Protein backbone atom coordinates (compact mmCIF):
# COMPACT_ATOMS: atom_id res chain seq x y z
CA MET A 1 -32.17 -10.78 26.22
CA ALA A 2 -29.84 -13.73 25.78
CA GLU A 3 -26.58 -13.92 27.69
CA LEU A 4 -23.84 -11.55 26.58
CA ILE A 5 -20.89 -12.82 24.60
CA SER A 6 -17.71 -12.54 26.66
CA SER A 7 -15.79 -9.38 25.85
CA LEU A 8 -12.70 -11.56 25.68
CA ALA A 9 -14.12 -13.60 22.81
CA ARG A 10 -15.66 -10.72 20.81
CA PRO A 11 -16.28 -12.59 17.54
CA LEU A 12 -16.31 -10.47 14.38
CA VAL A 13 -19.61 -10.57 12.47
CA LEU A 14 -19.89 -9.31 8.89
CA VAL A 15 -23.38 -7.89 8.25
CA VAL A 16 -24.10 -7.95 4.51
CA GLU A 17 -27.25 -5.86 4.11
CA ASP A 18 -28.17 -3.09 1.64
CA GLU A 19 -31.03 -1.74 3.77
CA ALA A 20 -29.27 0.90 5.86
CA ALA A 21 -31.84 0.98 8.68
CA LEU A 22 -31.68 -2.79 9.15
CA ALA A 23 -27.88 -2.80 9.02
CA THR A 24 -27.81 -0.09 11.70
CA MET A 25 -30.26 -2.03 13.88
CA LEU A 26 -28.20 -5.21 13.57
CA ARG A 27 -24.97 -3.38 14.38
CA TYR A 28 -26.51 -1.76 17.47
CA ASN A 29 -27.90 -5.03 18.84
CA LEU A 30 -24.83 -7.11 18.04
CA GLU A 31 -22.39 -4.62 19.57
CA LYS A 32 -24.65 -4.40 22.62
CA GLN A 33 -24.22 -8.17 22.98
CA GLY A 34 -20.41 -7.93 22.78
CA PHE A 35 -19.80 -8.71 19.10
CA ARG A 36 -17.53 -6.73 16.82
CA VAL A 37 -19.31 -5.76 13.60
CA ASP A 38 -18.21 -5.05 10.04
CA GLU A 39 -20.62 -4.11 7.24
CA ALA A 40 -20.98 -4.50 3.49
CA ALA A 41 -23.82 -3.09 1.37
CA ASP A 42 -23.44 -5.34 -1.69
CA GLY A 43 -22.18 -8.79 -2.59
CA GLN A 44 -18.89 -7.76 -4.13
CA GLU A 45 -18.03 -5.55 -1.16
CA ALA A 46 -18.82 -8.51 1.11
CA LEU A 47 -16.24 -10.72 -0.63
CA THR A 48 -13.68 -7.91 -0.43
CA ARG A 49 -14.32 -7.46 3.31
CA ILE A 50 -14.01 -11.19 3.91
CA SER A 51 -10.64 -11.22 2.13
CA GLU A 52 -9.33 -8.16 3.98
CA ALA A 53 -10.58 -8.97 7.50
CA PRO A 54 -11.91 -12.54 7.79
CA PRO A 55 -14.97 -12.54 10.06
CA ASP A 56 -16.06 -15.30 12.43
CA LEU A 57 -19.58 -15.33 11.00
CA VAL A 58 -21.48 -13.75 8.10
CA LEU A 59 -25.09 -12.50 8.24
CA LEU A 60 -25.93 -12.50 4.54
CA ASP A 61 -28.95 -10.91 2.87
CA TRP A 62 -30.22 -12.74 -0.22
CA MET A 63 -31.32 -9.76 -2.34
CA LEU A 64 -28.20 -7.61 -2.76
CA PRO A 65 -26.93 -5.16 -5.36
CA VAL A 66 -24.06 -6.16 -7.70
CA MET A 67 -24.00 -9.80 -6.59
CA SER A 68 -26.75 -11.80 -4.88
CA GLY A 69 -26.32 -13.38 -1.48
CA ILE A 70 -26.67 -16.80 -3.09
CA GLU A 71 -23.64 -16.11 -5.34
CA VAL A 72 -21.67 -14.68 -2.40
CA CYS A 73 -22.36 -17.88 -0.46
CA ARG A 74 -21.26 -20.00 -3.43
CA GLN A 75 -17.98 -18.11 -3.67
CA ILE A 76 -17.38 -18.37 0.07
CA ARG A 77 -17.75 -22.14 -0.15
CA ARG A 78 -15.51 -22.39 -3.25
CA ARG A 79 -12.53 -20.74 -1.53
CA SER A 80 -10.45 -23.05 0.64
CA GLU A 81 -9.72 -20.30 3.19
CA THR A 82 -13.45 -19.55 3.75
CA ARG A 83 -14.98 -22.96 3.10
CA ASN A 84 -15.88 -23.45 6.76
CA LEU A 85 -16.90 -19.84 7.50
CA PRO A 86 -20.32 -19.85 9.26
CA VAL A 87 -23.01 -18.17 7.12
CA ILE A 88 -26.57 -17.33 8.15
CA MET A 89 -28.77 -16.19 5.28
CA VAL A 90 -31.18 -13.43 6.33
CA THR A 91 -33.93 -12.79 3.79
CA ALA A 92 -37.50 -11.74 3.12
CA ARG A 93 -37.98 -14.83 0.92
CA THR A 94 -40.25 -17.12 2.90
CA GLU A 95 -41.03 -20.01 0.56
CA ASP A 96 -39.77 -23.45 1.59
CA GLN A 97 -37.96 -23.89 -1.73
CA ASP A 98 -36.05 -20.66 -1.08
CA ALA A 99 -34.80 -21.99 2.25
CA VAL A 100 -33.82 -25.27 0.59
CA ARG A 101 -31.95 -23.40 -2.15
CA GLY A 102 -30.12 -21.21 0.37
CA LEU A 103 -29.07 -24.20 2.47
CA ASN A 104 -28.08 -26.23 -0.58
CA THR A 105 -25.89 -23.34 -1.72
CA GLY A 106 -23.91 -23.66 1.50
CA ALA A 107 -25.62 -21.48 4.11
CA ASP A 108 -25.42 -22.97 7.60
CA ASP A 109 -28.75 -21.49 8.64
CA TYR A 110 -31.62 -19.51 7.15
CA ILE A 111 -33.79 -16.93 8.91
CA THR A 112 -36.60 -14.87 7.39
CA LYS A 113 -37.45 -11.20 7.86
CA PRO A 114 -38.91 -9.91 10.08
CA PHE A 115 -37.02 -11.95 12.64
CA ASN A 116 -36.75 -12.13 16.41
CA MET A 117 -33.36 -10.77 17.55
CA ASP A 118 -33.07 -13.25 20.42
CA ALA A 119 -33.67 -16.14 18.02
CA LEU A 120 -31.03 -14.81 15.64
CA LEU A 121 -28.51 -14.40 18.48
CA ALA A 122 -29.16 -17.95 19.68
CA ARG A 123 -28.52 -19.33 16.18
CA MET A 124 -25.37 -17.23 15.84
CA ARG A 125 -23.98 -18.45 19.16
CA ALA A 126 -24.71 -22.06 18.26
CA LEU A 127 -22.79 -21.72 14.99
CA LEU A 128 -19.91 -19.88 16.64
CA ARG A 129 -19.58 -22.53 19.34
CA ARG A 130 -19.44 -25.23 16.67
CA ALA A 131 -16.82 -23.25 14.78
CA GLY A 132 -14.79 -22.66 17.96
CA ALA A 133 -15.07 -18.85 17.81
CA VAL A 134 -16.64 -18.71 21.27
CA PRO A 135 -14.28 -20.67 23.48
CA ALA A 136 -15.72 -23.03 26.05
CA LYS A 137 -14.71 -22.49 29.66
CA GLY A 138 -11.73 -24.63 30.54
CA THR A 139 -8.17 -24.19 31.71
CA LEU A 140 -5.74 -21.64 30.28
CA SER A 141 -2.05 -21.87 31.04
CA PHE A 142 1.26 -20.21 30.24
CA HIS A 143 4.68 -20.80 31.85
CA ASP A 144 3.82 -21.61 35.50
CA ILE A 145 0.45 -19.81 35.48
CA THR A 146 -2.87 -21.67 35.23
CA MET A 147 -6.40 -20.28 35.10
CA ASP A 148 -9.39 -22.50 35.83
CA GLN A 149 -12.15 -20.56 34.10
CA ALA A 150 -14.99 -22.73 35.41
CA ALA A 151 -13.85 -22.28 39.03
CA HIS A 152 -12.64 -18.71 38.38
CA ARG A 153 -9.29 -19.48 40.08
CA VAL A 154 -5.71 -18.62 39.18
CA GLN A 155 -2.54 -20.31 40.40
CA ARG A 156 1.13 -19.64 39.82
CA GLY A 157 3.60 -22.36 40.66
CA GLY A 158 0.95 -24.02 42.82
CA ARG A 159 0.15 -20.94 44.91
CA ALA A 160 -3.22 -19.18 44.70
CA VAL A 161 -3.26 -15.80 42.94
CA HIS A 162 -6.02 -13.44 44.03
CA LEU A 163 -7.16 -11.02 41.31
CA GLY A 164 -9.77 -8.33 41.08
CA PRO A 165 -12.40 -8.66 38.30
CA THR A 166 -10.55 -6.39 35.85
CA GLU A 167 -7.16 -7.98 36.51
CA TYR A 168 -8.75 -11.41 35.99
CA ARG A 169 -10.12 -10.34 32.59
CA LEU A 170 -6.75 -8.85 31.67
CA LEU A 171 -4.92 -12.06 32.52
CA GLU A 172 -7.51 -14.15 30.68
CA PHE A 173 -7.04 -12.02 27.58
CA PHE A 174 -3.25 -12.33 27.70
CA LEU A 175 -3.45 -16.08 28.37
CA ARG A 176 -5.49 -16.46 25.20
CA HIS A 177 -2.81 -14.62 23.20
CA PRO A 178 0.60 -15.36 24.77
CA ARG A 179 3.69 -13.65 23.35
CA ARG A 180 1.63 -11.26 21.23
CA VAL A 181 2.11 -7.54 21.83
CA PHE A 182 -1.05 -5.46 22.30
CA SER A 183 -1.34 -1.68 22.39
CA ARG A 184 -3.25 -0.01 25.22
CA GLU A 185 -6.10 0.69 22.79
CA GLU A 186 -6.31 -2.98 21.78
CA VAL A 187 -6.36 -4.05 25.40
CA LEU A 188 -9.09 -1.52 26.19
CA ASP A 189 -11.19 -2.74 23.28
CA ALA A 190 -10.80 -6.40 24.22
CA VAL A 191 -11.17 -6.16 28.00
CA TRP A 192 -13.40 -3.12 28.58
CA GLY A 193 -15.26 -3.11 25.24
CA ALA A 194 -15.23 -0.70 22.29
CA ASP A 195 -18.27 1.24 23.55
CA ILE A 196 -16.81 1.94 27.01
CA HIS A 197 -14.96 5.25 27.32
CA VAL A 198 -11.87 4.64 29.44
CA GLU A 199 -8.56 6.48 29.31
CA PRO A 200 -5.71 4.39 27.80
CA ARG A 201 -3.62 5.09 30.92
CA THR A 202 -6.18 3.10 32.89
CA VAL A 203 -4.59 0.01 31.35
CA ASP A 204 -1.26 0.91 32.99
CA VAL A 205 -2.90 1.02 36.43
CA HIS A 206 -4.45 -2.43 36.06
CA ILE A 207 -1.27 -3.87 34.54
CA ARG A 208 0.60 -2.77 37.70
CA ARG A 209 -2.04 -4.42 39.87
CA LEU A 210 -1.84 -7.60 37.80
CA ARG A 211 1.95 -7.67 38.14
CA LYS A 212 1.75 -7.15 41.89
CA ALA A 213 -0.68 -10.05 42.28
CA LEU A 214 1.13 -12.40 39.89
CA ASN A 215 4.74 -11.87 40.88
CA ALA A 216 5.98 -13.18 44.22
CA GLU A 217 9.52 -12.41 45.31
CA GLY A 218 12.07 -14.00 42.99
CA GLU A 219 9.53 -14.91 40.31
CA LEU A 220 9.93 -13.90 36.68
CA ASP A 221 7.76 -10.95 35.60
CA VAL A 222 5.90 -12.45 32.65
CA VAL A 223 3.94 -9.27 31.87
CA ARG A 224 6.32 -7.47 29.53
CA THR A 225 6.19 -3.76 28.76
CA VAL A 226 7.14 -3.11 25.14
CA ARG A 227 8.29 0.48 24.77
CA ALA A 228 6.09 2.53 22.42
CA ALA A 229 4.03 -0.57 21.60
CA GLY A 230 2.16 -1.95 24.59
CA TYR A 231 2.17 -5.14 26.62
CA ALA A 232 2.68 -8.87 26.14
CA LEU A 233 2.55 -12.03 28.22
CA ASP A 234 6.03 -13.44 27.59
CA THR A 235 8.94 -15.12 29.30
CA GLU A 236 11.53 -13.49 27.05
CA PRO A 237 12.32 -9.80 26.44
CA VAL A 238 10.31 -8.48 23.49
């Protein structure tokens, strides 16, 4: 199986499919690879889901109740806020002219049923990388903290910071979303994964370890505890 998506990226994929067994299979395989998954069983519901919780990518069946996948794709491309949303059309229609029609309507890619899951995942990752939903490894920084993701090294004010694997993932998550407050449950979902059963209090333990590693004597504690809300990476009280 292809390489897992980082749990810190966790792109949201909207599966638009009226065949319940196929939708379930897609959800299982995508979540297993680290994606978050939303579902819609008809075209109109798909547009509603996109408006309510914009996904990073849409897997769109052609033959749908209420509104066809072709019309859904047209409407996605007509709206300024979704014009660049990656769309892969997934369909049983195998004629060349069908693929041409789907692509001309605005689909970024076209894959026919039955399909190979690894091939679909590879196409999805390629589109997500182009759209910037799967961040490339580089350098993350906030205040006087820098993280070299390629070298897997962290520094604060020029000194090396040694972190365990979980504390590293925690810091990476916070560095991607500075100043935003996250509940324990949100941190668990992002860092451990939605399918891993861990007690919310586990977050507190790893936050303490992260603080201990990050904060030398006299340094500002940038990991803020927000009473009754959660945690944030911030230099100001929140």
